[in-house]
């Protein structure tokens, strides 16, 4: 389970994908398959999630990694390079960005 905490000292990555309502579920299927068969099995992977907006025009993924180098190694793997090319072809645009958790608030 993904746990977002200020004390987390690993790498947080949020990717946003701009899609059309007609391609959204194809992209989600490709992302889900990548998480299930490749990403979640990589060294340093901690957790991840996929989100879809109501209009089905944006997808966001959230993942946590032990270290930035683990995430970068996953991206450089031949299988993920191939998968990312296929996913990019289904999107208008996508952008992975590395973040640091600054603060969190709980109810």
PDB file of N, CA and C in Angstrom:
ATOM      1  N   UNK A   1       0.833  -1.177   0.000  1.00  0.00           N
ATOM      2  CA  UNK A   1       0.000   0.000   0.000  1.00  0.00           C
ATOM      3  C   UNK A   1       0.881   1.245   0.000  1.00  0.00           C
ATOM      4  N   UNK A   2       0.510   2.192  -0.813  1.00  0.00           N
ATOM      5  CA  UNK A   2       1.263   3.433  -0.881  1.00  0.00           C
ATOM      6  C   UNK A   2       1.049   4.241   0.392  1.00  0.00           C
ATOM      7  N   UNK A   3       2.149   4.665   0.984  1.00  0.00           N
ATOM      8  CA  UNK A   3       2.088   5.499   2.184  1.00  0.00           C
ATOM      9  C   UNK A   3       2.893   6.754   1.902  1.00  0.00           C
ATOM     10  N   UNK A   4       2.235   7.890   1.939  1.00  0.00           N
ATOM     11  CA  UNK A   4       2.906   9.161   1.693  1.00  0.00           C
ATOM     12  C   UNK A   4       3.230   9.786   3.041  1.00  0.00           C
ATOM     13  N   UNK A   5       4.515   9.990   3.309  1.00  0.00           N
ATOM     14  CA  UNK A   5       4.938  10.510   4.600  1.00  0.00           C
ATOM     15  C   UNK A   5       6.125  11.455   4.427  1.00  0.00           C
ATOM     16  N   UNK A   6       6.147  12.485   5.213  1.00  0.00           N
ATOM     17  CA  UNK A   6       7.230  13.464   5.197  1.00  0.00           C
ATOM     18  C   UNK A   6       8.584  12.795   5.452  1.00  0.00           C
ATOM     19  N   UNK A   7       8.585  11.756   6.262  1.00  0.00           N
ATOM     20  CA  UNK A   7       9.824  11.087   6.642  1.00  0.00           C
ATOM     21  C   UNK A   7      10.384  10.181   5.534  1.00  0.00           C
ATOM     22  N   UNK A   8       9.625   9.961   4.471  1.00  0.00           N
ATOM     23  CA  UNK A   8      10.068   9.090   3.382  1.00  0.00           C
ATOM     24  C   UNK A   8      11.315   9.677   2.737  1.00  0.00           C
ATOM     25  N   UNK A   9      12.392   8.904   2.676  1.00  0.00           N
ATOM     26  CA  UNK A   9      13.619   9.434   2.091  1.00  0.00           C
ATOM     27  C   UNK A   9      13.973   8.759   0.773  1.00  0.00           C
ATOM     28  N   UNK A  10      13.032   8.037   0.204  1.00  0.00           N
ATOM     29  CA  UNK A  10      13.239   7.438  -1.106  1.00  0.00           C
ATOM     30  C   UNK A  10      12.869   8.416  -2.206  1.00  0.00           C
ATOM     31  N   UNK A  11      12.578   7.867  -3.385  1.00  0.00           N
ATOM     32  CA  UNK A  11      12.229   8.684  -4.544  1.00  0.00           C
ATOM     33  C   UNK A  11      10.749   8.540  -4.866  1.00  0.00           C
ATOM     34  N   UNK A  12      10.055   9.657  -4.994  1.00  0.00           N
ATOM     35  CA  UNK A  12       8.664   9.684  -5.420  1.00  0.00           C
ATOM     36  C   UNK A  12       8.627  10.148  -6.866  1.00  0.00           C
ATOM     37  N   UNK A  13       7.850   9.435  -7.693  1.00  0.00           N
ATOM     38  CA  UNK A  13       7.726   9.799  -9.100  1.00  0.00           C
ATOM     39  C   UNK A  13       6.243   9.917  -9.435  1.00  0.00           C
ATOM     40  N   UNK A  14       5.862  11.052 -10.018  1.00  0.00           N
ATOM     41  CA  UNK A  14       4.504  11.246 -10.502  1.00  0.00           C
ATOM     42  C   UNK A  14       4.595  11.458 -12.004  1.00  0.00           C
ATOM     43  N   UNK A  15       3.901  10.604 -12.750  1.00  0.00           N
ATOM     44  CA  UNK A  15       3.855  10.725 -14.207  1.00  0.00           C
ATOM     45  C   UNK A  15       2.455  11.157 -14.601  1.00  0.00           C
ATOM     46  N   UNK A  16       2.368  12.109 -15.503  1.00  0.00           N
ATOM     47  CA  UNK A  16       1.069  12.521 -16.024  1.00  0.00           C
ATOM     48  C   UNK A  16       1.026  12.200 -17.515  1.00  0.00           C
ATOM     49  N   UNK A  17      -0.124  11.728 -17.934  1.00  0.00           N
ATOM     50  CA  UNK A  17      -0.345  11.313 -19.313  1.00  0.00           C
ATOM     51  C   UNK A  17      -1.556  12.066 -19.841  1.00  0.00           C
ATOM     52  N   UNK A  18      -1.391  12.769 -20.947  1.00  0.00           N
ATOM     53  CA  UNK A  18      -2.514  13.440 -21.589  1.00  0.00           C
ATOM     54  C   UNK A  18      -3.021  12.505 -22.681  1.00  0.00           C
ATOM     55  N   UNK A  19      -4.293  12.103 -22.574  1.00  0.00           N
ATOM     56  CA  UNK A  19      -4.881  11.109 -23.465  1.00  0.00           C
ATOM     57  C   UNK A  19      -6.241  11.595 -23.974  1.00  0.00           C
ATOM     58  N   UNK A  20      -6.845  10.819 -24.829  1.00  0.00           N
ATOM     59  CA  UNK A  20      -8.217  11.089 -25.251  1.00  0.00           C
ATOM     60  C   UNK A  20      -9.124  10.095 -24.528  1.00  0.00           C
ATOM     61  N   UNK A  21     -10.417  10.412 -24.403  1.00  0.00           N
ATOM     62  CA  UNK A  21     -11.325   9.444 -23.772  1.00  0.00           C
ATOM     63  C   UNK A  21     -11.308   8.086 -24.492  1.00  0.00           C
ATOM     64  N   UNK A  22     -11.062   8.107 -25.788  1.00  0.00           N
ATOM     65  CA  UNK A  22     -11.016   6.853 -26.540  1.00  0.00           C
ATOM     66  C   UNK A  22      -9.768   6.023 -26.291  1.00  0.00           C
ATOM     67  N   UNK A  23      -8.673   6.659 -25.859  1.00  0.00           N
ATOM     68  CA  UNK A  23      -7.430   5.911 -25.626  1.00  0.00           C
ATOM     69  C   UNK A  23      -7.125   5.694 -24.148  1.00  0.00           C
ATOM     70  N   UNK A  24      -7.866   6.320 -23.270  1.00  0.00           N
ATOM     71  CA  UNK A  24      -7.545   6.275 -21.839  1.00  0.00           C
ATOM     72  C   UNK A  24      -7.433   4.852 -21.307  1.00  0.00           C
ATOM     73  N   UNK A  25      -8.390   4.011 -21.612  1.00  0.00           N
ATOM     74  CA  UNK A  25      -8.361   2.660 -21.045  1.00  0.00           C
ATOM     75  C   UNK A  25      -7.303   1.775 -21.707  1.00  0.00           C
ATOM     76  N   UNK A  26      -6.949   2.067 -22.955  1.00  0.00           N
ATOM     77  CA  UNK A  26      -5.833   1.352 -23.577  1.00  0.00           C
ATOM     78  C   UNK A  26      -4.530   1.689 -22.857  1.00  0.00           C
ATOM     79  N   UNK A  27      -4.356   2.964 -22.529  1.00  0.00           N
ATOM     80  CA  UNK A  27      -3.154   3.393 -21.801  1.00  0.00           C
ATOM     81  C   UNK A  27      -3.156   2.776 -20.404  1.00  0.00           C
ATOM     82  N   UNK A  28      -4.306   2.799 -19.744  1.00  0.00           N
ATOM     83  CA  UNK A  28      -4.403   2.198 -18.405  1.00  0.00           C
ATOM     84  C   UNK A  28      -4.081   0.708 -18.463  1.00  0.00           C
ATOM     85  N   UNK A  29      -4.591   0.013 -19.457  1.00  0.00           N
ATOM     86  CA  UNK A  29      -4.283  -1.418 -19.598  1.00  0.00           C
ATOM     87  C   UNK A  29      -2.781  -1.634 -19.771  1.00  0.00           C
ATOM     88  N   UNK A  30      -2.137  -0.794 -20.592  1.00  0.00           N
ATOM     89  CA  UNK A  30      -0.694  -0.932 -20.810  1.00  0.00           C
ATOM     90  C   UNK A  30       0.087  -0.613 -19.541  1.00  0.00           C
ATOM     91  N   UNK A  31      -0.341   0.420 -18.825  1.00  0.00           N
ATOM     92  CA  UNK A  31       0.324   0.769 -17.566  1.00  0.00           C
ATOM     93  C   UNK A  31       0.131  -0.316 -16.518  1.00  0.00           C
ATOM     94  N   UNK A  32      -1.082  -0.820 -16.403  1.00  0.00           N
ATOM     95  CA  UNK A  32      -1.361  -1.886 -15.427  1.00  0.00           C
ATOM     96  C   UNK A  32      -0.517  -3.117 -15.709  1.00  0.00           C
ATOM     97  N   UNK A  33      -0.416  -3.484 -16.983  1.00  0.00           N
ATOM     98  CA  UNK A  33       0.399  -4.637 -17.359  1.00  0.00           C
ATOM     99  C   UNK A  33       1.874  -4.390 -17.028  1.00  0.00           C
ATOM    100  N   UNK A  34       2.344  -3.171 -17.306  1.00  0.00           N
ATOM    101  CA  UNK A  34       3.741  -2.838 -16.989  1.00  0.00           C
ATOM    102  C   UNK A  34       3.999  -2.900 -15.491  1.00  0.00           C
ATOM    103  N   UNK A  35       3.065  -2.361 -14.689  1.00  0.00           N
ATOM    104  CA  UNK A  35       3.239  -2.425 -13.231  1.00  0.00           C
ATOM    105  C   UNK A  35       3.218  -3.856 -12.743  1.00  0.00           C
ATOM    106  N   UNK A  36       2.285  -4.655 -13.253  1.00  0.00           N
ATOM    107  CA  UNK A  36       2.146  -6.029 -12.772  1.00  0.00           C
ATOM    108  C   UNK A  36       3.328  -6.912 -13.159  1.00  0.00           C
ATOM    109  N   UNK A  37       3.804  -6.781 -14.390  1.00  0.00           N
ATOM    110  CA  UNK A  37       4.812  -7.720 -14.891  1.00  0.00           C
ATOM    111  C   UNK A  37       6.246  -7.209 -14.887  1.00  0.00           C
ATOM    112  N   UNK A  38       6.443  -5.897 -14.821  1.00  0.00           N
ATOM    113  CA  UNK A  38       7.812  -5.379 -14.903  1.00  0.00           C
ATOM    114  C   UNK A  38       8.139  -4.449 -13.740  1.00  0.00           C
ATOM    115  N   UNK A  39       7.429  -3.332 -13.655  1.00  0.00           N
ATOM    116  CA  UNK A  39       7.800  -2.275 -12.715  1.00  0.00           C
ATOM    117  C   UNK A  39       7.835  -2.773 -11.273  1.00  0.00           C
ATOM    118  N   UNK A  40       6.773  -3.432 -10.842  1.00  0.00           N
ATOM    119  CA  UNK A  40       6.693  -3.871  -9.435  1.00  0.00           C
ATOM    120  C   UNK A  40       7.711  -4.951  -9.084  1.00  0.00           C
ATOM    121  N   UNK A  41       8.364  -5.502 -10.075  1.00  0.00           N
ATOM    122  CA  UNK A  41       9.355  -6.564  -9.830  1.00  0.00           C
ATOM    123  C   UNK A  41      10.791  -6.048  -9.868  1.00  0.00           C
ATOM    124  N   UNK A  42      10.938  -4.737 -10.052  1.00  0.00           N
ATOM    125  CA  UNK A  42      12.277  -4.153 -10.156  1.00  0.00           C
ATOM    126  C   UNK A  42      12.878  -3.900  -8.777  1.00  0.00           C
ATOM    127  N   UNK A  43      14.197  -4.032  -8.658  1.00  0.00           N
ATOM    128  CA  UNK A  43      14.850  -3.714  -7.391  1.00  0.00           C
ATOM    129  C   UNK A  43      14.545  -2.272  -6.976  1.00  0.00           C
ATOM    130  N   UNK A  44      14.210  -2.084  -5.723  1.00  0.00           N
ATOM    131  CA  UNK A  44      13.968  -0.759  -5.185  1.00  0.00           C
ATOM    132  C   UNK A  44      12.541  -0.264  -5.294  1.00  0.00           C
ATOM    133  N   UNK A  45      11.677  -0.999  -6.007  1.00  0.00           N
ATOM    134  CA  UNK A  45      10.280  -0.589  -6.125  1.00  0.00           C
ATOM    135  C   UNK A  45       9.593  -0.770  -4.780  1.00  0.00           C
ATOM    136  N   UNK A  46       8.790   0.226  -4.370  1.00  0.00           N
ATOM    137  CA  UNK A  46       8.062   0.155  -3.101  1.00  0.00           C
ATOM    138  C   UNK A  46       6.568   0.041  -3.341  1.00  0.00           C
ATOM    139  N   UNK A  47       5.998   0.981  -4.105  1.00  0.00           N
ATOM    140  CA  UNK A  47       4.553   0.945  -4.339  1.00  0.00           C
ATOM    141  C   UNK A  47       4.199   1.855  -5.500  1.00  0.00           C
ATOM    142  N   UNK A  48       2.961   1.716  -5.965  1.00  0.00           N
ATOM    143  CA  UNK A  48       2.512   2.564  -7.053  1.00  0.00           C
ATOM    144  C   UNK A  48       1.001   2.589  -7.153  1.00  0.00           C
ATOM    145  N   UNK A  49       0.492   3.540  -7.917  1.00  0.00           N
ATOM    146  CA  UNK A  49      -0.948   3.683  -8.128  1.00  0.00           C
ATOM    147  C   UNK A  49      -1.181   4.347  -9.472  1.00  0.00           C
ATOM    148  N   UNK A  50      -2.349   4.061 -10.054  1.00  0.00           N
ATOM    149  CA  UNK A  50      -2.763   4.689 -11.305  1.00  0.00           C
ATOM    150  C   UNK A  50      -4.073   5.423 -11.047  1.00  0.00           C
ATOM    151  N   UNK A  51      -4.169   6.661 -11.544  1.00  0.00           N
ATOM    152  CA  UNK A  51      -5.361   7.491 -11.361  1.00  0.00           C
ATOM    153  C   UNK A  51      -5.862   7.953 -12.724  1.00  0.00           C
ATOM    154  N   UNK A  52      -7.190   8.071 -12.871  1.00  0.00           N
ATOM    155  CA  UNK A  52      -7.813   8.577 -14.089  1.00  0.00           C
ATOM    156  C   UNK A  52      -8.777   9.692 -13.715  1.00  0.00           C
ATOM    157  N   UNK A  53      -8.721  10.820 -14.446  1.00  0.00           N
ATOM    158  CA  UNK A  53      -9.655  11.898 -14.141  1.00  0.00           C
ATOM    159  C   UNK A  53     -11.046  11.583 -14.701  1.00  0.00           C
ATOM    160  N   UNK A  54     -12.038  12.321 -14.245  1.00  0.00           N
ATOM    161  CA  UNK A  54     -13.431  12.071 -14.645  1.00  0.00           C
ATOM    162  C   UNK A  54     -13.649  12.198 -16.147  1.00  0.00           C
ATOM    163  N   UNK A  55     -12.975  13.128 -16.786  1.00  0.00           N
ATOM    164  CA  UNK A  55     -13.158  13.350 -18.220  1.00  0.00           C
ATOM    165  C   UNK A  55     -12.420  12.321 -19.078  1.00  0.00           C
ATOM    166  N   UNK A  56     -11.628  11.483 -18.437  1.00  0.00           N
ATOM    167  CA  UNK A  56     -10.814  10.462 -19.107  1.00  0.00           C
ATOM    168  C   UNK A  56      -9.845  11.086 -20.122  1.00  0.00           C
ATOM    169  N   UNK A  57      -9.281  12.233 -19.731  1.00  0.00           N
ATOM    170  CA  UNK A  57      -8.307  12.915 -20.574  1.00  0.00           C
ATOM    171  C   UNK A  57      -6.925  12.993 -19.921  1.00  0.00           C
ATOM    172  N   UNK A  58      -6.850  12.604 -18.661  1.00  0.00           N
ATOM    173  CA  UNK A  58      -5.564  12.617 -17.949  1.00  0.00           C
ATOM    174  C   UNK A  58      -5.450  11.386 -17.062  1.00  0.00           C
ATOM    175  N   UNK A  59      -4.275  10.832 -17.099  1.00  0.00           N
ATOM    176  CA  UNK A  59      -3.928   9.709 -16.227  1.00  0.00           C
ATOM    177  C   UNK A  59      -2.717  10.161 -15.432  1.00  0.00           C
ATOM    178  N   UNK A  60      -2.667   9.794 -14.177  1.00  0.00           N
ATOM    179  CA  UNK A  60      -1.496  10.073 -13.351  1.00  0.00           C
ATOM    180  C   UNK A  60      -1.078   8.773 -12.678  1.00  0.00           C
ATOM    181  N   UNK A  61       0.210   8.531 -12.640  1.00  0.00           N
ATOM    182  CA  UNK A  61       0.733   7.412 -11.860  1.00  0.00           C
ATOM    183  C   UNK A  61       1.596   7.975 -10.752  1.00  0.00           C
ATOM    184  N   UNK A  62       1.576   7.295  -9.638  1.00  0.00           N
ATOM    185  CA  UNK A  62       2.357   7.686  -8.466  1.00  0.00           C
ATOM    186  C   UNK A  62       3.158   6.459  -8.076  1.00  0.00           C
ATOM    187  N   UNK A  63       4.468   6.591  -7.986  1.00  0.00           N
ATOM    188  CA  UNK A  63       5.263   5.447  -7.538  1.00  0.00           C
ATOM    189  C   UNK A  63       6.335   5.894  -6.557  1.00  0.00           C
ATOM    190  N   UNK A  64       6.684   4.967  -5.701  1.00  0.00           N
ATOM    191  CA  UNK A  64       7.727   5.208  -4.711  1.00  0.00           C
ATOM    192  C   UNK A  64       8.843   4.187  -4.932  1.00  0.00           C
ATOM    193  N   UNK A  65      10.057   4.675  -4.791  1.00  0.00           N
ATOM    194  CA  UNK A  65      11.252   3.870  -5.021  1.00  0.00           C
ATOM    195  C   UNK A  65      12.219   4.072  -3.862  1.00  0.00           C
ATOM    196  N   UNK A  66      12.987   3.054  -3.591  1.00  0.00           N
ATOM    197  CA  UNK A  66      13.987   3.135  -2.523  1.00  0.00           C
ATOM    198  C   UNK A  66      14.980   4.257  -2.815  1.00  0.00           C
ATOM    199  N   UNK A  67      15.314   4.421  -4.108  1.00  0.00           N
ATOM    200  CA  UNK A  67      16.345   5.377  -4.498  1.00  0.00           C
ATOM    201  C   UNK A  67      16.100   5.824  -5.937  1.00  0.00           C
ATOM    202  N   UNK A  68      16.506   7.006  -6.257  1.00  0.00           N
ATOM    203  CA  UNK A  68      16.372   7.552  -7.619  1.00  0.00           C
ATOM    204  C   UNK A  68      17.030   6.633  -8.651  1.00  0.00           C
ATOM    205  N   UNK A  69      18.167   6.069  -8.300  1.00  0.00           N
ATOM    206  CA  UNK A  69      18.889   5.193  -9.238  1.00  0.00           C
ATOM    207  C   UNK A  69      18.083   3.945  -9.579  1.00  0.00           C
ATOM    208  N   UNK A  70      17.283   3.443  -8.636  1.00  0.00           N
ATOM    209  CA  UNK A  70      16.435   2.276  -8.911  1.00  0.00           C
ATOM    210  C   UNK A  70      15.393   2.615  -9.973  1.00  0.00           C
ATOM    211  N   UNK A  71      14.767   3.776  -9.839  1.00  0.00           N
ATOM    212  CA  UNK A  71      13.782   4.211 -10.821  1.00  0.00           C
ATOM    213  C   UNK A  71      14.438   4.397 -12.192  1.00  0.00           C
ATOM    214  N   UNK A  72      15.565   5.042 -12.219  1.00  0.00           N
ATOM    215  CA  UNK A  72      16.254   5.283 -13.484  1.00  0.00           C
ATOM    216  C   UNK A  72      16.694   3.974 -14.145  1.00  0.00           C
ATOM    217  N   UNK A  73      17.138   3.007 -13.357  1.00  0.00           N
ATOM    218  CA  UNK A  73      17.525   1.703 -13.911  1.00  0.00           C
ATOM    219  C   UNK A  73      16.321   1.000 -14.528  1.00  0.00           C
ATOM    220  N   UNK A  74      15.159   1.093 -13.881  1.00  0.00           N
ATOM    221  CA  UNK A  74      13.948   0.496 -14.441  1.00  0.00           C
ATOM    222  C   UNK A  74      13.636   1.135 -15.789  1.00  0.00           C
ATOM    223  N   UNK A  75      13.714   2.466 -15.884  1.00  0.00           N
ATOM    224  CA  UNK A  75      13.429   3.153 -17.142  1.00  0.00           C
ATOM    225  C   UNK A  75      14.376   2.742 -18.259  1.00  0.00           C
ATOM    226  N   UNK A  76      15.613   2.450 -17.912  1.00  0.00           N
ATOM    227  CA  UNK A  76      16.620   2.093 -18.917  1.00  0.00           C
ATOM    228  C   UNK A  76      16.569   0.631 -19.343  1.00  0.00           C
ATOM    229  N   UNK A  77      15.785  -0.180 -18.649  1.00  0.00           N
ATOM    230  CA  UNK A  77      15.725  -1.595 -19.019  1.00  0.00           C
ATOM    231  C   UNK A  77      15.118  -1.727 -20.420  1.00  0.00           C
ATOM    232  N   UNK A  78      15.595  -2.676 -21.208  1.00  0.00           N
ATOM    233  CA  UNK A  78      15.086  -2.830 -22.576  1.00  0.00           C
ATOM    234  C   UNK A  78      13.565  -3.022 -22.621  1.00  0.00           C
ATOM    235  N   UNK A  79      13.011  -3.796 -21.702  1.00  0.00           N
ATOM    236  CA  UNK A  79      11.563  -4.028 -21.721  1.00  0.00           C
ATOM    237  C   UNK A  79      10.780  -2.748 -21.449  1.00  0.00           C
ATOM    238  N   UNK A  80      11.216  -1.943 -20.483  1.00  0.00           N
ATOM    239  CA  UNK A  80      10.482  -0.708 -20.195  1.00  0.00           C
ATOM    240  C   UNK A  80      10.687   0.329 -21.291  1.00  0.00           C
ATOM    241  N   UNK A  81      11.825   0.339 -21.923  1.00  0.00           N
ATOM    242  CA  UNK A  81      12.014   1.261 -23.046  1.00  0.00           C
ATOM    243  C   UNK A  81      11.023   0.941 -24.155  1.00  0.00           C
ATOM    244  N   UNK A  82      10.844  -0.333 -24.442  1.00  0.00           N
ATOM    245  CA  UNK A  82       9.876  -0.751 -25.464  1.00  0.00           C
ATOM    246  C   UNK A  82       8.451  -0.420 -25.037  1.00  0.00           C
ATOM    247  N   UNK A  83       8.120  -0.728 -23.793  1.00  0.00           N
ATOM    248  CA  UNK A  83       6.775  -0.445 -23.293  1.00  0.00           C
ATOM    249  C   UNK A  83       6.492   1.058 -23.287  1.00  0.00           C
ATOM    250  N   UNK A  84       7.468   1.865 -22.874  1.00  0.00           N
ATOM    251  CA  UNK A  84       7.261   3.315 -22.837  1.00  0.00           C
ATOM    252  C   UNK A  84       7.074   3.898 -24.236  1.00  0.00           C
ATOM    253  N   UNK A  85       7.757   3.349 -25.223  1.00  0.00           N
ATOM    254  CA  UNK A  85       7.532   3.808 -26.601  1.00  0.00           C
ATOM    255  C   UNK A  85       6.098   3.518 -27.032  1.00  0.00           C
ATOM    256  N   UNK A  86       5.588   2.338 -26.696  1.00  0.00           N
ATOM    257  CA  UNK A  86       4.210   1.977 -27.055  1.00  0.00           C
ATOM    258  C   UNK A  86       3.203   2.856 -26.310  1.00  0.00           C
ATOM    259  N   UNK A  87       3.448   3.110 -25.034  1.00  0.00           N
ATOM    260  CA  UNK A  87       2.546   3.968 -24.251  1.00  0.00           C
ATOM    261  C   UNK A  87       2.583   5.394 -24.790  1.00  0.00           C
ATOM    262  N   UNK A  88       3.761   5.898 -25.101  1.00  0.00           N
ATOM    263  CA  UNK A  88       3.885   7.259 -25.633  1.00  0.00           C
ATOM    264  C   UNK A  88       3.118   7.413 -26.942  1.00  0.00           C
ATOM    265  N   UNK A  89       3.091   6.368 -27.741  1.00  0.00           N
ATOM    266  CA  UNK A  89       2.379   6.429 -29.023  1.00  0.00           C
ATOM    267  C   UNK A  89       0.871   6.568 -28.828  1.00  0.00           C
ATOM    268  N   UNK A  90       0.354   6.165 -27.669  1.00  0.00           N
ATOM    269  CA  UNK A  90      -1.078   6.253 -27.386  1.00  0.00           C
ATOM    270  C   UNK A  90      -1.455   7.575 -26.709  1.00  0.00           C
ATOM    271  N   UNK A  91      -0.481   8.384 -26.351  1.00  0.00           N
ATOM    272  CA  UNK A  91      -0.721   9.613 -25.584  1.00  0.00           C
ATOM    273  C   UNK A  91      -0.431  10.848 -26.419  1.00  0.00           C
ATOM    274  N   UNK A  92      -1.104  11.925 -26.073  1.00  0.00           N
ATOM    275  CA  UNK A  92      -0.747  13.217 -26.656  1.00  0.00           C
ATOM    276  C   UNK A  92       0.579  13.680 -26.079  1.00  0.00           C
ATOM    277  N   UNK A  93       0.765  13.385 -24.782  1.00  0.00           N
ATOM    278  CA  UNK A  93       1.967  13.826 -24.064  1.00  0.00           C
ATOM    279  C   UNK A  93       2.053  13.041 -22.768  1.00  0.00           C
ATOM    280  N   UNK A  94       3.264  12.717 -22.329  1.00  0.00           N
ATOM    281  CA  UNK A  94       3.416  12.218 -20.967  1.00  0.00           C
ATOM    282  C   UNK A  94       4.724  12.705 -20.385  1.00  0.00           C
ATOM    283  N   UNK A  95       4.705  12.875 -19.057  1.00  0.00           N
ATOM    284  CA  UNK A  95       5.852  13.460 -18.388  1.00  0.00           C
ATOM    285  C   UNK A  95       6.064  12.829 -17.016  1.00  0.00           C
ATOM    286  N   UNK A  96       7.184  12.137 -16.832  1.00  0.00           N
ATOM    287  CA  UNK A  96       7.540  11.657 -15.500  1.00  0.00           C
ATOM    288  C   UNK A  96       8.357  12.720 -14.771  1.00  0.00           C
ATOM    289  N   UNK A  97       8.009  12.977 -13.516  1.00  0.00           N
ATOM    290  CA  UNK A  97       8.720  13.981 -12.725  1.00  0.00           C
ATOM    291  C   UNK A  97       9.036  13.386 -11.349  1.00  0.00           C
ATOM    292  N   UNK A  98      10.271  13.572 -10.898  1.00  0.00           N
ATOM    293  CA  UNK A  98      10.681  13.092  -9.581  1.00  0.00           C
ATOM    294  C   UNK A  98      10.416  14.179  -8.548  1.00  0.00           C
ATOM    295  N   UNK A  99       9.836  13.766  -7.426  1.00  0.00           N
ATOM    296  CA  UNK A  99       9.462  14.706  -6.371  1.00  0.00           C
ATOM    297  C   UNK A  99      10.030  14.263  -5.033  1.00  0.00           C
ATOM    298  N   UNK A 100      10.089  15.231  -4.118  1.00  0.00           N
ATOM    299  CA  UNK A 100      10.414  14.981  -2.724  1.00  0.00           C
ATOM    300  C   UNK A 100       9.155  15.302  -1.925  1.00  0.00           C
ATOM    301  N   UNK A 101       8.783  14.434  -0.982  1.00  0.00           N
ATOM    302  CA  UNK A 101       7.627  14.720  -0.114  1.00  0.00           C
ATOM    303  C   UNK A 101       8.071  15.783   0.881  1.00  0.00           C
ATOM    304  N   UNK A 102       7.388  16.917   0.875  1.00  0.00           N
ATOM    305  CA  UNK A 102       7.743  18.026   1.752  1.00  0.00           C
ATOM    306  C   UNK A 102       6.949  17.962   3.047  1.00  0.00           C
ATOM    307  N   UNK A 103       5.655  17.700   2.944  1.00  0.00           N
ATOM    308  CA  UNK A 103       4.816  17.650   4.138  1.00  0.00           C
ATOM    309  C   UNK A 103       3.537  16.906   3.823  1.00  0.00           C
ATOM    310  N   UNK A 104       2.858  16.411   4.832  1.00  0.00           N
ATOM    311  CA  UNK A 104       1.578  15.736   4.694  1.00  0.00           C
ATOM    312  C   UNK A 104       0.681  16.149   5.858  1.00  0.00           C
ATOM    313  N   UNK A 105      -0.618  16.015   5.656  1.00  0.00           N
ATOM    314  CA  UNK A 105      -1.608  16.302   6.695  1.00  0.00           C
ATOM    315  C   UNK A 105      -2.624  15.203   6.732  1.00  0.00           C
ATOM    316  N   UNK A 106      -3.026  14.819   7.918  1.00  0.00           N
ATOM    317  CA  UNK A 106      -4.023  13.761   8.116  1.00  0.00           C
ATOM    318  C   UNK A 106      -5.244  14.336   8.815  1.00  0.00           C
ATOM    319  N   UNK A 107      -6.410  13.756   8.560  1.00  0.00           N
ATOM    320  CA  UNK A 107      -7.636  14.182   9.249  1.00  0.00           C
ATOM    321  C   UNK A 107      -7.611  13.645  10.661  1.00  0.00           C
TER     322      UNK A 107
END
